[in-house]
Amino acid sequence: MSFFAPIPLIRRKHIFNCLRKCSATSKEIAKIFYDAGVINPNAFKAITEKLIKNMN
């Protein structure tokens, strides 16, 4: 039995919660992660890139 760490899911939820809190819900009112309050905005680069790719 293998164990899958939920880090990508936790990261995704954290990013989405931060963006919602600062009302950055569209391209017109987008914020950079630092301004949105995302913890370690440059961490987990592969996860972040996958999220962005899936949003387009």
N, C-alpha and C. Protein backbone atom coordinates (compact mmCIF):
# COMPACT_ATOMS: atom_id res chain seq x y z
N MET A 1 0.85 -1.18 0.00
CA MET A 1 0.00 0.00 0.00
C MET A 1 0.90 1.24 0.00
N SER A 2 0.62 2.16 -0.88
CA SER A 2 1.41 3.38 -0.96
C SER A 2 0.64 4.54 -0.31
N PHE A 3 1.40 5.48 0.15
CA PHE A 3 0.83 6.66 0.80
C PHE A 3 1.06 7.86 -0.08
N PHE A 4 0.02 8.61 -0.34
CA PHE A 4 0.12 9.82 -1.15
C PHE A 4 0.00 11.03 -0.23
N ALA A 5 1.07 11.79 -0.14
CA ALA A 5 1.03 13.00 0.68
C ALA A 5 0.13 14.04 0.02
N PRO A 6 -0.77 14.62 0.78
CA PRO A 6 -1.73 15.57 0.19
C PRO A 6 -1.18 16.98 0.00
N ILE A 7 0.13 17.12 -0.10
CA ILE A 7 0.72 18.46 -0.23
C ILE A 7 0.15 19.25 -1.40
N PRO A 8 0.04 18.66 -2.60
CA PRO A 8 -0.55 19.46 -3.70
C PRO A 8 -1.96 19.94 -3.40
N LEU A 9 -2.75 19.12 -2.75
CA LEU A 9 -4.13 19.52 -2.43
C LEU A 9 -4.16 20.60 -1.35
N ILE A 10 -3.29 20.47 -0.37
CA ILE A 10 -3.22 21.48 0.69
C ILE A 10 -2.76 22.81 0.11
N ARG A 11 -1.74 22.74 -0.75
CA ARG A 11 -1.22 23.97 -1.37
C ARG A 11 -2.30 24.64 -2.22
N ARG A 12 -2.99 23.86 -3.00
CA ARG A 12 -4.07 24.39 -3.86
C ARG A 12 -5.13 25.09 -3.02
N LYS A 13 -5.55 24.44 -1.94
CA LYS A 13 -6.58 25.02 -1.08
C LYS A 13 -6.09 26.32 -0.44
N HIS A 14 -4.85 26.32 0.01
CA HIS A 14 -4.27 27.53 0.63
C HIS A 14 -4.25 28.69 -0.37
N ILE A 15 -3.78 28.42 -1.59
CA ILE A 15 -3.71 29.46 -2.61
C ILE A 15 -5.11 29.99 -2.93
N PHE A 16 -6.05 29.10 -3.16
CA PHE A 16 -7.41 29.54 -3.49
C PHE A 16 -8.04 30.35 -2.35
N ASN A 17 -7.81 29.91 -1.12
CA ASN A 17 -8.37 30.66 0.03
C ASN A 17 -7.77 32.06 0.10
N CYS A 18 -6.48 32.18 -0.10
CA CYS A 18 -5.84 33.50 -0.06
C CYS A 18 -6.35 34.40 -1.18
N LEU A 19 -6.50 33.85 -2.37
CA LEU A 19 -6.99 34.66 -3.48
C LEU A 19 -8.44 35.09 -3.27
N ARG A 20 -9.26 34.21 -2.71
CA ARG A 20 -10.65 34.58 -2.42
C ARG A 20 -10.73 35.67 -1.36
N LYS A 21 -9.90 35.56 -0.32
CA LYS A 21 -9.93 36.55 0.77
C LYS A 21 -9.62 37.95 0.27
N CYS A 22 -8.76 38.07 -0.73
CA CYS A 22 -8.44 39.41 -1.24
C CYS A 22 -9.21 39.71 -2.52
N SER A 23 -10.24 38.92 -2.80
CA SER A 23 -11.15 39.13 -3.94
C SER A 23 -10.45 39.07 -5.29
N ALA A 24 -9.37 38.33 -5.39
CA ALA A 24 -8.66 38.18 -6.66
C ALA A 24 -9.22 36.96 -7.40
N THR A 25 -10.41 37.13 -7.94
CA THR A 25 -11.11 36.01 -8.54
C THR A 25 -11.21 36.08 -10.07
N SER A 26 -10.56 37.06 -10.66
CA SER A 26 -10.56 37.15 -12.12
C SER A 26 -9.24 37.75 -12.58
N LYS A 27 -8.98 37.69 -13.86
CA LYS A 27 -7.74 38.25 -14.41
C LYS A 27 -7.67 39.75 -14.21
N GLU A 28 -8.81 40.41 -14.23
CA GLU A 28 -8.85 41.86 -14.10
C GLU A 28 -8.43 42.33 -12.71
N ILE A 29 -8.71 41.54 -11.70
CA ILE A 29 -8.37 41.93 -10.33
C ILE A 29 -7.39 40.94 -9.69
N ALA A 30 -6.56 40.35 -10.50
CA ALA A 30 -5.58 39.37 -10.03
C ALA A 30 -4.55 40.01 -9.10
N LYS A 31 -4.00 39.22 -8.23
CA LYS A 31 -2.95 39.64 -7.31
C LYS A 31 -1.78 38.66 -7.44
N ILE A 32 -0.60 39.14 -7.15
CA ILE A 32 0.51 38.20 -7.07
C ILE A 32 0.39 37.48 -5.73
N PHE A 33 0.97 36.28 -5.65
CA PHE A 33 0.82 35.48 -4.44
C PHE A 33 1.27 36.22 -3.19
N TYR A 34 2.36 36.95 -3.28
CA TYR A 34 2.87 37.68 -2.12
C TYR A 34 1.82 38.67 -1.61
N ASP A 35 1.22 39.42 -2.51
CA ASP A 35 0.20 40.40 -2.12
C ASP A 35 -1.08 39.74 -1.62
N ALA A 36 -1.35 38.53 -2.08
CA ALA A 36 -2.54 37.81 -1.65
C ALA A 36 -2.34 37.13 -0.31
N GLY A 37 -1.10 37.09 0.19
CA GLY A 37 -0.83 36.49 1.48
C GLY A 37 -0.50 35.02 1.43
N VAL A 38 -0.13 34.53 0.27
CA VAL A 38 0.23 33.11 0.13
C VAL A 38 1.56 32.88 0.85
N ILE A 39 1.56 31.89 1.74
CA ILE A 39 2.78 31.54 2.48
C ILE A 39 3.79 30.95 1.52
N ASN A 40 5.03 31.39 1.62
CA ASN A 40 6.11 30.92 0.74
C ASN A 40 5.69 30.97 -0.73
N PRO A 41 5.46 32.16 -1.26
CA PRO A 41 4.92 32.27 -2.62
C PRO A 41 5.79 31.63 -3.70
N ASN A 42 7.08 31.45 -3.44
CA ASN A 42 7.95 30.84 -4.44
C ASN A 42 8.20 29.36 -4.20
N ALA A 43 7.57 28.79 -3.18
CA ALA A 43 7.74 27.37 -2.89
C ALA A 43 6.80 26.54 -3.77
N PHE A 44 7.11 25.30 -3.90
CA PHE A 44 6.26 24.34 -4.64
C PHE A 44 5.99 24.82 -6.06
N LYS A 45 7.03 25.20 -6.75
CA LYS A 45 6.91 25.77 -8.09
C LYS A 45 6.17 24.85 -9.05
N ALA A 46 6.45 23.55 -9.02
CA ALA A 46 5.80 22.61 -9.94
C ALA A 46 4.30 22.56 -9.68
N ILE A 47 3.91 22.58 -8.42
CA ILE A 47 2.48 22.55 -8.09
C ILE A 47 1.80 23.82 -8.58
N THR A 48 2.43 24.96 -8.36
CA THR A 48 1.87 26.23 -8.79
C THR A 48 1.73 26.29 -10.30
N GLU A 49 2.75 25.85 -11.02
CA GLU A 49 2.68 25.86 -12.48
C GLU A 49 1.57 24.96 -12.99
N LYS A 50 1.37 23.82 -12.35
CA LYS A 50 0.29 22.91 -12.76
C LYS A 50 -1.07 23.56 -12.52
N LEU A 51 -1.23 24.26 -11.39
CA LEU A 51 -2.50 24.94 -11.12
C LEU A 51 -2.78 26.01 -12.17
N ILE A 52 -1.75 26.78 -12.50
CA ILE A 52 -1.93 27.83 -13.50
C ILE A 52 -2.27 27.23 -14.87
N LYS A 53 -1.59 26.16 -15.23
CA LYS A 53 -1.85 25.51 -16.51
C LYS A 53 -3.28 25.00 -16.57
N ASN A 54 -3.76 24.44 -15.49
CA ASN A 54 -5.12 23.89 -15.46
C ASN A 54 -6.19 24.96 -15.47
N MET A 55 -5.84 26.19 -15.09
CA MET A 55 -6.81 27.27 -15.05
C MET A 55 -7.05 27.86 -16.45
N ASN A 56 -6.11 27.70 -17.34
CA ASN A 56 -6.24 28.29 -18.69
C ASN A 56 -7.04 27.43 -19.60
